[in-house]
Every structure is written in structure tokens, then in C-alpha cells.
Amino acid sequence: MRSRCGLSRRARVDRKSKETQLSARIDLDGRGRSEVATGLPFLDHMLEQVARYGGFDLRLRGAGDVHVDPHHLVEDAGIVVGQALSEALGDREGIVRFASAYAPLDESLARVVIDLGRRPFLSYNVALKGRIGTLESEIVEEFWRALSIHLGATIHVDLIRGRNRHHIAEATFKALGLALRAAMAAGGAPGVPSSKGVLG
């Protein structure tokens, strides 16, 4: 499947720094398949959920200085995934642009509202404290912030209810996948999806 302009919606992004080394490949018109290995199993699990429910193929490989702190790796994962999604979207002509999604997981319920209009902004209303696996849950917000900036998206993340930390986090990532799937779909009006005629 190809976008309206006939271009394949695929991208590859590589990032190397003194703190992390990451490589991401994305195919927006894939089947929700993923191969994720960052060295942080919980982060891998969350990104697999995004790809699955987002309906795009994701391959993310890398490592980082997790012996110091997982912060750098979590943030940089958000950077490369955001950059790869943005590159795959191209000029964003013909996409739906706006979308919202709810996702429940047992007692937890989360909502994600997204605008792919190249205006980065994150509103993150998820009270997460404590450890989830090997990851301090407060760091999760850094992934969302980096994703918003490098994807060029306004993202509102709201926890409606929940108690279990794992359930809360997973519900938000599943909702992200569902919202991305709808917003990135090539079902909008022809041209740039903006009344101004330009995004941003």
C-alpha cells in the first residue's frame, strides 16, 4: 500500500552519541510487526504495543549507558521513533491528522489525543511513581516528550483511572498506537491537512 502521492511510507533513522546507539526502521503501511531490543525490556514491550495497535512495522535496535541511568536510552528511543515516523509521513499530505483513542487494561483506562500538525506539545497527565521492571516509571514521560518534539505532534495523554503501574503505562502506549493509526491514515482530504495551507 502506498500513500496518495505514490511514495512508500518508510523510513530509517540512526542515532549515535556517547550515551546511546539506536537504529529505527518503520513501515507505516505494514502489519503491526515489531522487533524491538533496546536493553530495557519494559520499554521494548511498550513499543511493541505501539507498533501492533498502530498497524505499522517497527524495528528498533540499540543500547545505551543504562549502568548510569536508563534516562538517556528512554529519551533517545523517543527521538529516533519520532524522527522515523515523521520521515515516513513525508509532507503529510492526505493524512487524517487528528485522532483520539481510549485503551483499557483491566482496572486502568487511558486516553491519547494527537495532532500531527507539526506543532510539538505534550500534556502528560499520568501519575506514575515507582519501578516497573528495571525502569523507574517517572522516566517514561521523557519518551513521550521526545516523541512529541521529533514527530512534530501535539499529544495529550490522560490517565482516567488505574492503580497498577504496569497496567497504567501499557494502557497509555496502546492508546498511542490506536491514535497514531487513525491520525496517520491516508484518508484525509487531498493536500496538506491545514486550513492555513501549511503545517506548523
C-alpha atoms as a PDB file:
ATOM      1  CA  MET A   1       0.000   0.000   0.000  1.00  0.00           C
ATOM      2  CA  ARG A   2       1.243   3.483  -0.862  1.00  0.00           C
ATOM      3  CA  SER A   3       0.236   7.000   0.110  1.00  0.00           C
ATOM      4  CA  ARG A   4      -1.785   9.222  -2.211  1.00  0.00           C
ATOM      5  CA  CYS A   5       1.335  10.816  -3.614  1.00  0.00           C
ATOM      6  CA  GLY A   6       2.597   7.361  -4.606  1.00  0.00           C
ATOM      7  CA  LEU A   7       5.511   7.333  -2.190  1.00  0.00           C
ATOM      8  CA  SER A   8       6.368   4.453   0.083  1.00  0.00           C
ATOM      9  CA  ARG A   9       5.805   5.480   3.697  1.00  0.00           C
ATOM     10  CA  ARG A  10       9.020   4.033   5.096  1.00  0.00           C
ATOM     11  CA  ALA A  11      11.990   5.464   6.956  1.00  0.00           C
ATOM     12  CA  ARG A  12      15.224   4.586   8.671  1.00  0.00           C
ATOM     13  CA  VAL A  13      16.907   6.688  11.341  1.00  0.00           C
ATOM     14  CA  ASP A  14      20.243   6.037  13.055  1.00  0.00           C
ATOM     15  CA  ARG A  15      21.432   7.893  16.135  1.00  0.00           C
ATOM     16  CA  LYS A  16      24.837   7.547  17.758  1.00  0.00           C
ATOM     17  CA  SER A  17      26.073   9.519  20.738  1.00  0.00           C
ATOM     18  CA  LYS A  18      28.390   8.980  23.666  1.00  0.00           C
ATOM     19  CA  GLU A  19      25.347   7.768  25.603  1.00  0.00           C
ATOM     20  CA  THR A  20      23.314   5.666  23.163  1.00  0.00           C
ATOM     21  CA  GLN A  21      23.376   3.908  19.805  1.00  0.00           C
ATOM     22  CA  LEU A  22      19.972   3.332  18.201  1.00  0.00           C
ATOM     23  CA  SER A  23      18.659   2.367  14.785  1.00  0.00           C
ATOM     24  CA  ALA A  24      14.963   2.514  13.850  1.00  0.00           C
ATOM     25  CA  ARG A  25      13.162   1.289  10.739  1.00  0.00           C
ATOM     26  CA  ILE A  26       9.480   1.983  10.168  1.00  0.00           C
ATOM     27  CA  ASP A  27       6.950   0.997   7.525  1.00  0.00           C
ATOM     28  CA  LEU A  28       3.690   2.845   8.117  1.00  0.00           C
ATOM     29  CA  ASP A  29       1.789   0.527   5.804  1.00  0.00           C
ATOM     30  CA  GLY A  30       2.993  -2.656   7.455  1.00  0.00           C
ATOM     31  CA  ARG A  31       1.109  -5.196   9.540  1.00  0.00           C
ATOM     32  CA  GLY A  32       1.960  -4.182  13.093  1.00  0.00           C
ATOM     33  CA  ARG A  33       5.052  -6.361  13.296  1.00  0.00           C
ATOM     34  CA  SER A  34       7.905  -5.397  15.583  1.00  0.00           C
ATOM     35  CA  GLU A  35      11.437  -6.331  16.522  1.00  0.00           C
ATOM     36  CA  VAL A  36      12.481  -4.207  19.462  1.00  0.00           C
ATOM     37  CA  ALA A  37      15.623  -4.685  21.531  1.00  0.00           C
ATOM     38  CA  THR A  38      16.952  -1.681  23.428  1.00  0.00           C
ATOM     39  CA  GLY A  39      18.284  -3.356  26.557  1.00  0.00           C
ATOM     40  CA  LEU A  40      15.252  -2.182  28.565  1.00  0.00           C
ATOM     41  CA  PRO A  41      12.680  -4.999  28.429  1.00  0.00           C
ATOM     42  CA  PHE A  42       9.755  -2.915  29.675  1.00  0.00           C
ATOM     43  CA  LEU A  43      10.404  -0.186  27.097  1.00  0.00           C
ATOM     44  CA  ASP A  44      10.648  -2.876  24.405  1.00  0.00           C
ATOM     45  CA  HIS A  45       7.285  -4.262  25.478  1.00  0.00           C
ATOM     46  CA  MET A  46       5.647  -0.829  25.358  1.00  0.00           C
ATOM     47  CA  LEU A  47       6.988  -0.039  21.871  1.00  0.00           C
ATOM     48  CA  GLU A  48       5.804  -3.414  20.616  1.00  0.00           C
ATOM     49  CA  GLN A  49       2.312  -2.423  21.750  1.00  0.00           C
ATOM     50  CA  VAL A  50       2.519   0.887  19.882  1.00  0.00           C
ATOM     51  CA  ALA A  51       3.510  -0.820  16.637  1.00  0.00           C
ATOM     52  CA  ARG A  52       0.921  -3.568  16.999  1.00  0.00           C
ATOM     53  CA  TYR A  53      -2.006  -1.263  17.636  1.00  0.00           C
ATOM     54  CA  GLY A  54      -0.624   1.421  15.339  1.00  0.00           C
ATOM     55  CA  GLY A  55      -0.621  -1.062  12.473  1.00  0.00           C
ATOM     56  CA  PHE A  56       2.922  -0.198  11.377  1.00  0.00           C
ATOM     57  CA  ASP A  57       6.091  -2.279  11.276  1.00  0.00           C
ATOM     58  CA  LEU A  58       8.846  -1.225  13.672  1.00  0.00           C
ATOM     59  CA  ARG A  59      12.391  -2.454  14.022  1.00  0.00           C
ATOM     60  CA  LEU A  60      14.351  -0.770  16.795  1.00  0.00           C
ATOM     61  CA  ARG A  61      17.759  -1.947  17.911  1.00  0.00           C
ATOM     62  CA  GLY A  62      20.269  -0.359  20.194  1.00  0.00           C
ATOM     63  CA  ALA A  63      21.896   0.070  23.557  1.00  0.00           C
ATOM     64  CA  GLY A  64      22.786   2.784  25.998  1.00  0.00           C
ATOM     65  CA  ASP A  65      24.503   3.671  29.241  1.00  0.00           C
ATOM     66  CA  VAL A  66      21.824   2.056  31.399  1.00  0.00           C
ATOM     67  CA  HIS A  67      24.515   1.323  34.005  1.00  0.00           C
ATOM     68  CA  VAL A  68      24.453   5.068  34.668  1.00  0.00           C
ATOM     69  CA  ASP A  69      20.705   5.643  34.287  1.00  0.00           C
ATOM     70  CA  PRO A  70      18.043   4.487  31.785  1.00  0.00           C
ATOM     71  CA  HIS A  71      17.057   8.115  31.156  1.00  0.00           C
ATOM     72  CA  HIS A  72      19.285   8.632  28.101  1.00  0.00           C
ATOM     73  CA  LEU A  73      18.134   5.458  26.368  1.00  0.00           C
ATOM     74  CA  VAL A  74      14.429   6.093  27.023  1.00  0.00           C
ATOM     75  CA  GLU A  75      14.645   9.674  25.765  1.00  0.00           C
ATOM     76  CA  ASP A  76      16.713   8.767  22.700  1.00  0.00           C
ATOM     77  CA  ALA A  77      14.293   5.970  21.822  1.00  0.00           C
ATOM     78  CA  GLY A  78      11.590   8.640  21.711  1.00  0.00           C
ATOM     79  CA  ILE A  79      13.809  10.768  19.480  1.00  0.00           C
ATOM     80  CA  VAL A  80      14.532   8.083  16.867  1.00  0.00           C
ATOM     81  CA  VAL A  81      10.985   6.694  16.807  1.00  0.00           C
ATOM     82  CA  GLY A  82       9.608  10.227  16.442  1.00  0.00           C
ATOM     83  CA  GLN A  83      12.085  11.083  13.684  1.00  0.00           C
ATOM     84  CA  ALA A  84      11.367   7.850  11.815  1.00  0.00           C
ATOM     85  CA  LEU A  85       7.606   8.368  11.999  1.00  0.00           C
ATOM     86  CA  SER A  86       7.986  11.961  10.814  1.00  0.00           C
ATOM     87  CA  GLU A  87      10.233  10.992   7.909  1.00  0.00           C
ATOM     88  CA  ALA A  88       7.867   8.194   6.880  1.00  0.00           C
ATOM     89  CA  LEU A  89       4.942  10.628   6.901  1.00  0.00           C
ATOM     90  CA  GLY A  90       6.765  12.897   4.464  1.00  0.00           C
ATOM     91  CA  ASP A  91       4.873  16.113   3.702  1.00  0.00           C
ATOM     92  CA  ARG A  92       1.809  14.644   5.490  1.00  0.00           C
ATOM     93  CA  GLU A  93      -0.485  15.349   2.565  1.00  0.00           C
ATOM     94  CA  GLY A  94      -3.750  13.427   2.650  1.00  0.00           C
ATOM     95  CA  ILE A  95      -3.457  12.130   6.230  1.00  0.00           C
ATOM     96  CA  VAL A  96      -6.320  12.412   8.705  1.00  0.00           C
ATOM     97  CA  ARG A  97      -4.048  14.385  11.098  1.00  0.00           C
ATOM     98  CA  PHE A  98      -6.276  14.472  14.229  1.00  0.00           C
ATOM     99  CA  ALA A  99      -7.255  11.409  16.256  1.00  0.00           C
ATOM    100  CA  SER A 100      -8.105  10.237  19.746  1.00  0.00           C
ATOM    101  CA  ALA A 101      -8.216   6.791  21.297  1.00  0.00           C
ATOM    102  CA  TYR A 102      -9.087   5.102  24.575  1.00  0.00           C
ATOM    103  CA  ALA A 103      -7.458   1.904  25.767  1.00  0.00           C
ATOM    104  CA  PRO A 104      -8.377  -0.102  28.869  1.00  0.00           C
ATOM    105  CA  LEU A 105      -6.233  -2.693  30.611  1.00  0.00           C
ATOM    106  CA  ASP A 106      -8.085  -4.323  33.472  1.00  0.00           C
ATOM    107  CA  GLU A 107      -8.694  -1.558  36.047  1.00  0.00           C
ATOM    108  CA  SER A 108      -6.786   1.067  34.062  1.00  0.00           C
ATOM    109  CA  LEU A 109      -8.188   3.341  31.361  1.00  0.00           C
ATOM    110  CA  ALA A 110      -6.129   5.805  29.329  1.00  0.00           C
ATOM    111  CA  ARG A 111      -6.825   8.332  26.587  1.00  0.00           C
ATOM    112  CA  VAL A 112      -4.459   9.746  23.977  1.00  0.00           C
ATOM    113  CA  VAL A 113      -5.397  12.668  21.707  1.00  0.00           C
ATOM    114  CA  ILE A 114      -2.980  13.519  18.898  1.00  0.00           C
ATOM    115  CA  ASP A 115      -2.487  16.180  16.228  1.00  0.00           C
ATOM    116  CA  LEU A 116       0.177  15.517  13.589  1.00  0.00           C
ATOM    117  CA  GLY A 117       0.250  19.172  12.552  1.00  0.00           C
ATOM    118  CA  ARG A 118       3.985  19.763  13.192  1.00  0.00           C
ATOM    119  CA  ARG A 119       3.295  21.676  16.436  1.00  0.00           C
ATOM    120  CA  PRO A 120       5.156  19.825  19.210  1.00  0.00           C
ATOM    121  CA  PHE A 121       3.429  19.933  22.584  1.00  0.00           C
ATOM    122  CA  LEU A 122       2.986  17.341  25.317  1.00  0.00           C
ATOM    123  CA  SER A 123       0.347  17.353  28.023  1.00  0.00           C
ATOM    124  CA  TYR A 124       1.135  14.312  30.177  1.00  0.00           C
ATOM    125  CA  ASN A 125      -1.338  13.687  32.967  1.00  0.00           C
ATOM    126  CA  VAL A 126      -0.283  10.274  34.222  1.00  0.00           C
ATOM    127  CA  ALA A 127       0.672   9.874  37.863  1.00  0.00           C
ATOM    128  CA  LEU A 128       3.283   7.130  37.735  1.00  0.00           C
ATOM    129  CA  LYS A 129       5.696   6.536  40.584  1.00  0.00           C
ATOM    130  CA  GLY A 130       7.839   3.582  41.476  1.00  0.00           C
ATOM    131  CA  ARG A 131       9.615   0.928  39.453  1.00  0.00           C
ATOM    132  CA  ILE A 132       8.196  -1.086  36.589  1.00  0.00           C
ATOM    133  CA  GLY A 133      10.566  -3.963  35.997  1.00  0.00           C
ATOM    134  CA  THR A 134      14.012  -2.349  35.818  1.00  0.00           C
ATOM    135  CA  LEU A 135      12.668   1.064  34.864  1.00  0.00           C
ATOM    136  CA  GLU A 136      11.735   3.982  37.094  1.00  0.00           C
ATOM    137  CA  SER A 137       8.260   4.900  35.905  1.00  0.00           C
ATOM    138  CA  GLU A 138       8.889   8.666  36.108  1.00  0.00           C
ATOM    139  CA  ILE A 139      11.306   8.331  33.173  1.00  0.00           C
ATOM    140  CA  VAL A 140       8.506   7.159  30.870  1.00  0.00           C
ATOM    141  CA  GLU A 141       7.373  10.757  30.427  1.00  0.00           C
ATOM    142  CA  GLU A 142      10.730  11.557  28.781  1.00  0.00           C
ATOM    143  CA  PHE A 143       9.924   9.130  25.966  1.00  0.00           C
ATOM    144  CA  TRP A 144       6.608  10.878  25.316  1.00  0.00           C
ATOM    145  CA  ARG A 145       8.209  14.341  25.334  1.00  0.00           C
ATOM    146  CA  ALA A 146      10.948  13.336  22.897  1.00  0.00           C
ATOM    147  CA  LEU A 147       8.382  11.627  20.662  1.00  0.00           C
ATOM    148  CA  SER A 148       6.205  14.744  20.581  1.00  0.00           C
ATOM    149  CA  ILE A 149       9.104  17.023  19.666  1.00  0.00           C
ATOM    150  CA  HIS A 150      10.658  14.856  16.973  1.00  0.00           C
ATOM    151  CA  LEU A 151       7.408  13.602  15.452  1.00  0.00           C
ATOM    152  CA  GLY A 152       6.071  17.153  15.376  1.00  0.00           C
ATOM    153  CA  ALA A 153       2.880  16.322  17.221  1.00  0.00           C
ATOM    154  CA  THR A 154       0.647  17.713  19.899  1.00  0.00           C
ATOM    155  CA  ILE A 155      -0.061  14.823  22.262  1.00  0.00           C
ATOM    156  CA  HIS A 156      -2.390  14.792  25.259  1.00  0.00           C
ATOM    157  CA  VAL A 157      -2.053  11.739  27.488  1.00  0.00           C
ATOM    158  CA  ASP A 158      -4.600  11.315  30.245  1.00  0.00           C
ATOM    159  CA  LEU A 159      -4.998   8.576  32.805  1.00  0.00           C
ATOM    160  CA  ILE A 160      -8.708   8.335  33.523  1.00  0.00           C
ATOM    161  CA  ARG A 161      -8.354   5.682  36.192  1.00  0.00           C
ATOM    162  CA  GLY A 162      -5.916   2.997  37.268  1.00  0.00           C
ATOM    163  CA  ARG A 163      -3.896   1.506  40.122  1.00  0.00           C
ATOM    164  CA  ASN A 164      -1.387  -0.994  38.748  1.00  0.00           C
ATOM    165  CA  ARG A 165       1.715   0.763  37.352  1.00  0.00           C
ATOM    166  CA  HIS A 166       2.242  -1.734  34.551  1.00  0.00           C
ATOM    167  CA  HIS A 167      -1.423  -1.604  33.522  1.00  0.00           C
ATOM    168  CA  ILE A 168      -1.420   2.204  33.558  1.00  0.00           C
ATOM    169  CA  ALA A 169       1.670   2.534  31.378  1.00  0.00           C
ATOM    170  CA  GLU A 170       0.592  -0.162  28.952  1.00  0.00           C
ATOM    171  CA  ALA A 171      -2.857   1.369  28.535  1.00  0.00           C
ATOM    172  CA  THR A 172      -1.277   4.706  27.543  1.00  0.00           C
ATOM    173  CA  PHE A 173       1.012   3.094  24.952  1.00  0.00           C
ATOM    174  CA  LYS A 174      -1.817   1.044  23.470  1.00  0.00           C
ATOM    175  CA  ALA A 175      -3.915   4.205  23.203  1.00  0.00           C
ATOM    176  CA  LEU A 176      -0.961   5.909  21.493  1.00  0.00           C
ATOM    177  CA  GLY A 177      -0.820   3.146  18.900  1.00  0.00           C
ATOM    178  CA  LEU A 178      -4.541   3.355  18.220  1.00  0.00           C
ATOM    179  CA  ALA A 179      -4.434   7.155  17.929  1.00  0.00           C
ATOM    180  CA  LEU A 180      -1.431   7.085  15.610  1.00  0.00           C
ATOM    181  CA  ARG A 181      -3.103   4.514  13.394  1.00  0.00           C
ATOM    182  CA  ALA A 182      -6.110   6.772  12.905  1.00  0.00           C
ATOM    183  CA  ALA A 183      -4.164  10.042  12.567  1.00  0.00           C
ATOM    184  CA  MET A 184      -1.595   8.693  10.087  1.00  0.00           C
ATOM    185  CA  ALA A 185      -4.198   7.040   7.856  1.00  0.00           C
ATOM    186  CA  ALA A 186      -4.280   8.282   4.290  1.00  0.00           C
ATOM    187  CA  GLY A 187      -7.969   9.108   4.500  1.00  0.00           C
ATOM    188  CA  GLY A 188      -7.986  12.857   4.782  1.00  0.00           C
ATOM    189  CA  ALA A 189      -8.784  15.439   2.129  1.00  0.00           C
ATOM    190  CA  PRO A 190      -6.235  15.882  -0.691  1.00  0.00           C
ATOM    191  CA  GLY A 191      -3.350  18.203   0.064  1.00  0.00           C
ATOM    192  CA  VAL A 192      -1.874  19.418   3.335  1.00  0.00           C
ATOM    193  CA  PRO A 193      -4.354  18.903   6.184  1.00  0.00           C
ATOM    194  CA  SER A 194      -4.500  22.517   7.319  1.00  0.00           C
ATOM    195  CA  SER A 195      -6.835  25.448   6.693  1.00  0.00           C
ATOM    196  CA  LYS A 196      -3.684  27.619   6.510  1.00  0.00           C
ATOM    197  CA  GLY A 197      -2.301  25.565   3.657  1.00  0.00           C
ATOM    198  CA  VAL A 198       0.824  24.780   5.658  1.00  0.00           C
ATOM    199  CA  LEU A 199       1.556  22.711   8.765  1.00  0.00           C
ATOM    200  CA  GLY A 200       3.317  24.097  11.790  1.00  0.00           C
END
